[in-house]
Amino acid sequence: MQLSLCESYCLPLLAFAAGAVSYNKRQVHDLNVRWKVVYGTVFNFNRWESVKGFINGLGKLSLEYILKVHKVKFLFSSVAWC
């Protein structure tokens, strides 16, 4: 329940304008870390435990990959207008 709320309300805010904005590697990394903290908090992981494998096991994407998908979708939609 908490995860679906975070995915419904927080994820769109983190990914908003991701296609149009150029994030540097550090910014993408920082956003991805924050998104992993959401999973760690919802599922009661300790700070030192990695949630990367857990996220993949759930069939979810990392925020880094989600931002790349938004970028590609934005680029293809802008090409369609030409």
N, C-alpha and C. Protein backbone atom coordinates (compact mmCIF):
# COMPACT_ATOMS: atom_id res chain seq x y z
N MET A 1 0.82 -1.19 0.00
CA MET A 1 0.00 0.00 0.00
C MET A 1 0.87 1.26 0.00
N GLN A 2 1.84 1.32 0.92
CA GLN A 2 2.70 2.49 0.99
C GLN A 2 3.53 2.64 -0.28
N LEU A 3 4.00 1.53 -0.82
CA LEU A 3 4.81 1.58 -2.03
C LEU A 3 3.98 2.08 -3.20
N SER A 4 2.76 1.63 -3.32
CA SER A 4 1.93 2.09 -4.44
C SER A 4 1.61 3.57 -4.30
N LEU A 5 1.47 4.06 -3.07
CA LEU A 5 1.26 5.50 -2.86
C LEU A 5 2.50 6.29 -3.29
N CYS A 6 3.67 5.80 -2.91
CA CYS A 6 4.92 6.48 -3.30
C CYS A 6 5.10 6.46 -4.81
N GLU A 7 4.78 5.33 -5.43
CA GLU A 7 4.90 5.24 -6.88
C GLU A 7 3.88 6.13 -7.59
N SER A 8 2.73 6.32 -6.98
CA SER A 8 1.69 7.14 -7.59
C SER A 8 1.92 8.63 -7.40
N TYR A 9 2.46 9.02 -6.25
CA TYR A 9 2.59 10.44 -5.94
C TYR A 9 4.03 10.96 -6.01
N CYS A 10 4.99 10.20 -5.54
CA CYS A 10 6.37 10.68 -5.47
C CYS A 10 7.12 10.47 -6.78
N LEU A 11 6.96 9.31 -7.38
CA LEU A 11 7.70 9.00 -8.61
C LEU A 11 7.41 10.01 -9.73
N PRO A 12 6.16 10.39 -9.97
CA PRO A 12 5.93 11.39 -11.01
C PRO A 12 6.63 12.73 -10.72
N LEU A 13 6.73 13.08 -9.43
CA LEU A 13 7.43 14.32 -9.09
C LEU A 13 8.92 14.21 -9.36
N LEU A 14 9.49 13.04 -9.07
CA LEU A 14 10.92 12.85 -9.32
C LEU A 14 11.23 12.78 -10.81
N ALA A 15 10.31 12.23 -11.58
CA ALA A 15 10.54 12.04 -13.01
C ALA A 15 9.98 13.19 -13.85
N PHE A 16 9.33 14.16 -13.22
CA PHE A 16 8.73 15.27 -13.95
C PHE A 16 9.77 16.01 -14.79
N ALA A 17 9.48 16.19 -16.03
CA ALA A 17 10.33 16.90 -16.98
C ALA A 17 11.68 16.22 -17.19
N ALA A 18 11.78 14.96 -16.85
CA ALA A 18 13.05 14.25 -17.00
C ALA A 18 13.47 14.17 -18.46
N GLY A 19 12.53 14.16 -19.36
CA GLY A 19 12.86 14.11 -20.78
C GLY A 19 13.46 15.41 -21.28
N ALA A 20 12.99 16.52 -20.76
CA ALA A 20 13.42 17.81 -21.24
C ALA A 20 14.65 18.36 -20.51
N VAL A 21 14.92 17.84 -19.33
CA VAL A 21 16.02 18.34 -18.50
C VAL A 21 17.22 17.40 -18.62
N SER A 22 18.39 18.00 -18.68
CA SER A 22 19.61 17.19 -18.71
C SER A 22 20.21 17.14 -17.31
N TYR A 23 20.11 15.99 -16.70
CA TYR A 23 20.72 15.79 -15.39
C TYR A 23 22.14 15.30 -15.58
N ASN A 24 23.05 15.74 -14.72
CA ASN A 24 24.39 15.18 -14.79
C ASN A 24 24.39 13.87 -14.00
N LYS A 25 25.49 13.14 -14.08
CA LYS A 25 25.56 11.81 -13.45
C LYS A 25 25.34 11.88 -11.95
N ARG A 26 25.87 12.90 -11.33
CA ARG A 26 25.73 13.04 -9.88
C ARG A 26 24.27 13.25 -9.48
N GLN A 27 23.55 14.08 -10.23
CA GLN A 27 22.15 14.34 -9.93
C GLN A 27 21.31 13.08 -10.10
N VAL A 28 21.57 12.32 -11.17
CA VAL A 28 20.84 11.07 -11.39
C VAL A 28 21.14 10.10 -10.27
N HIS A 29 22.40 10.01 -9.87
CA HIS A 29 22.78 9.12 -8.78
C HIS A 29 22.08 9.52 -7.48
N ASP A 30 22.06 10.81 -7.17
CA ASP A 30 21.42 11.28 -5.94
C ASP A 30 19.92 10.98 -5.95
N LEU A 31 19.26 11.20 -7.08
CA LEU A 31 17.83 10.90 -7.17
C LEU A 31 17.58 9.40 -7.02
N ASN A 32 18.45 8.59 -7.63
CA ASN A 32 18.31 7.14 -7.53
C ASN A 32 18.49 6.66 -6.09
N VAL A 33 19.44 7.26 -5.37
CA VAL A 33 19.66 6.91 -3.96
C VAL A 33 18.40 7.25 -3.15
N ARG A 34 17.82 8.42 -3.40
CA ARG A 34 16.62 8.81 -2.67
C ARG A 34 15.47 7.83 -2.94
N TRP A 35 15.37 7.37 -4.18
CA TRP A 35 14.31 6.44 -4.53
C TRP A 35 14.53 5.08 -3.84
N LYS A 36 15.79 4.67 -3.72
CA LYS A 36 16.09 3.43 -3.00
C LYS A 36 15.75 3.56 -1.52
N VAL A 37 15.92 4.75 -0.96
CA VAL A 37 15.57 5.00 0.44
C VAL A 37 14.08 4.79 0.66
N VAL A 38 13.27 5.13 -0.33
CA VAL A 38 11.83 4.90 -0.23
C VAL A 38 11.55 3.42 -0.03
N TYR A 39 12.17 2.58 -0.85
CA TYR A 39 11.98 1.13 -0.72
C TYR A 39 12.50 0.64 0.63
N GLY A 40 13.65 1.13 1.02
CA GLY A 40 14.21 0.71 2.30
C GLY A 40 13.33 1.10 3.47
N THR A 41 12.72 2.26 3.40
CA THR A 41 11.84 2.72 4.47
C THR A 41 10.54 1.92 4.49
N VAL A 42 9.95 1.72 3.32
CA VAL A 42 8.67 1.00 3.25
C VAL A 42 8.82 -0.45 3.74
N PHE A 43 9.94 -1.09 3.37
CA PHE A 43 10.12 -2.50 3.72
C PHE A 43 11.06 -2.72 4.90
N ASN A 44 11.33 -1.68 5.67
CA ASN A 44 12.11 -1.76 6.91
C ASN A 44 13.50 -2.34 6.73
N PHE A 45 14.21 -1.92 5.72
CA PHE A 45 15.61 -2.30 5.56
C PHE A 45 16.46 -1.42 6.46
N ASN A 46 17.59 -1.93 6.89
CA ASN A 46 18.56 -1.11 7.61
C ASN A 46 19.30 -0.25 6.59
N ARG A 47 19.89 0.83 7.05
CA ARG A 47 20.57 1.76 6.14
C ARG A 47 21.72 1.11 5.38
N TRP A 48 22.37 0.14 6.01
CA TRP A 48 23.54 -0.48 5.38
C TRP A 48 23.17 -1.62 4.44
N GLU A 49 21.92 -2.02 4.41
CA GLU A 49 21.49 -3.10 3.53
C GLU A 49 21.13 -2.57 2.14
N SER A 50 21.53 -3.30 1.13
CA SER A 50 21.24 -2.90 -0.25
C SER A 50 19.83 -3.34 -0.63
N VAL A 51 19.11 -2.45 -1.27
CA VAL A 51 17.75 -2.78 -1.74
C VAL A 51 17.72 -2.99 -3.25
N LYS A 52 18.85 -2.86 -3.90
CA LYS A 52 18.90 -2.97 -5.36
C LYS A 52 18.36 -4.33 -5.84
N GLY A 53 18.84 -5.41 -5.27
CA GLY A 53 18.38 -6.74 -5.65
C GLY A 53 16.91 -6.95 -5.30
N PHE A 54 16.49 -6.37 -4.20
CA PHE A 54 15.09 -6.47 -3.78
C PHE A 54 14.18 -5.77 -4.79
N ILE A 55 14.59 -4.58 -5.22
CA ILE A 55 13.81 -3.82 -6.21
C ILE A 55 13.71 -4.61 -7.51
N ASN A 56 14.84 -5.17 -7.94
CA ASN A 56 14.82 -5.98 -9.16
C ASN A 56 13.96 -7.22 -8.99
N GLY A 57 13.99 -7.83 -7.82
CA GLY A 57 13.18 -9.01 -7.55
C GLY A 57 11.69 -8.73 -7.60
N LEU A 58 11.32 -7.49 -7.28
CA LEU A 58 9.91 -7.10 -7.37
C LEU A 58 9.49 -6.79 -8.80
N GLY A 59 10.48 -6.77 -9.71
CA GLY A 59 10.17 -6.43 -11.09
C GLY A 59 10.05 -4.94 -11.33
N LYS A 60 10.59 -4.15 -10.42
CA LYS A 60 10.54 -2.69 -10.54
C LYS A 60 11.82 -2.18 -11.17
N LEU A 61 11.76 -0.97 -11.69
CA LEU A 61 12.92 -0.35 -12.33
C LEU A 61 13.57 0.64 -11.39
N SER A 62 14.87 0.81 -11.56
CA SER A 62 15.56 1.84 -10.78
C SER A 62 15.16 3.20 -11.35
N LEU A 63 15.29 4.22 -10.54
CA LEU A 63 14.94 5.56 -10.99
C LEU A 63 15.84 6.00 -12.13
N GLU A 64 17.08 5.56 -12.11
CA GLU A 64 18.01 5.90 -13.18
C GLU A 64 17.46 5.41 -14.53
N TYR A 65 16.97 4.19 -14.57
CA TYR A 65 16.41 3.63 -15.79
C TYR A 65 15.11 4.34 -16.17
N ILE A 66 14.29 4.66 -15.18
CA ILE A 66 13.02 5.36 -15.45
C ILE A 66 13.29 6.72 -16.08
N LEU A 67 14.30 7.43 -15.59
CA LEU A 67 14.65 8.74 -16.17
C LEU A 67 15.12 8.58 -17.62
N LYS A 68 15.86 7.52 -17.90
CA LYS A 68 16.30 7.28 -19.28
C LYS A 68 15.12 6.99 -20.19
N VAL A 69 14.16 6.22 -19.71
CA VAL A 69 12.97 5.91 -20.50
C VAL A 69 12.19 7.19 -20.79
N HIS A 70 12.05 8.06 -19.80
CA HIS A 70 11.36 9.33 -20.01
C HIS A 70 12.08 10.17 -21.06
N LYS A 71 13.40 10.16 -21.03
CA LYS A 71 14.20 10.93 -21.99
C LYS A 71 13.96 10.42 -23.41
N VAL A 72 13.98 9.10 -23.59
CA VAL A 72 13.77 8.50 -24.91
C VAL A 72 12.36 8.79 -25.40
N LYS A 73 11.36 8.65 -24.53
CA LYS A 73 9.99 8.95 -24.92
C LYS A 73 9.84 10.40 -25.34
N PHE A 74 10.47 11.31 -24.60
CA PHE A 74 10.41 12.72 -24.94
C PHE A 74 11.05 12.98 -26.30
N LEU A 75 12.21 12.38 -26.54
CA LEU A 75 12.89 12.59 -27.82
C LEU A 75 12.07 12.05 -28.99
N PHE A 76 11.48 10.88 -28.82
CA PHE A 76 10.66 10.31 -29.90
C PHE A 76 9.39 11.12 -30.13
N SER A 77 8.82 11.65 -29.07
CA SER A 77 7.60 12.46 -29.26
C SER A 77 7.92 13.79 -29.92
N SER A 78 9.09 14.35 -29.63
CA SER A 78 9.48 15.61 -30.28
C SER A 78 9.83 15.41 -31.73
N VAL A 79 10.35 14.23 -32.10
CA VAL A 79 10.65 13.92 -33.50
C VAL A 79 9.35 13.74 -34.26
N ALA A 80 8.33 13.19 -33.62
CA ALA A 80 7.05 12.96 -34.28
C ALA A 80 6.39 14.27 -34.68
N TRP A 81 6.69 15.34 -33.97
CA TRP A 81 6.11 16.65 -34.28
C TRP A 81 6.77 17.30 -35.50
N CYS A 82 7.95 16.85 -35.86
CA CYS A 82 8.67 17.47 -36.98
C CYS A 82 8.10 17.05 -38.32
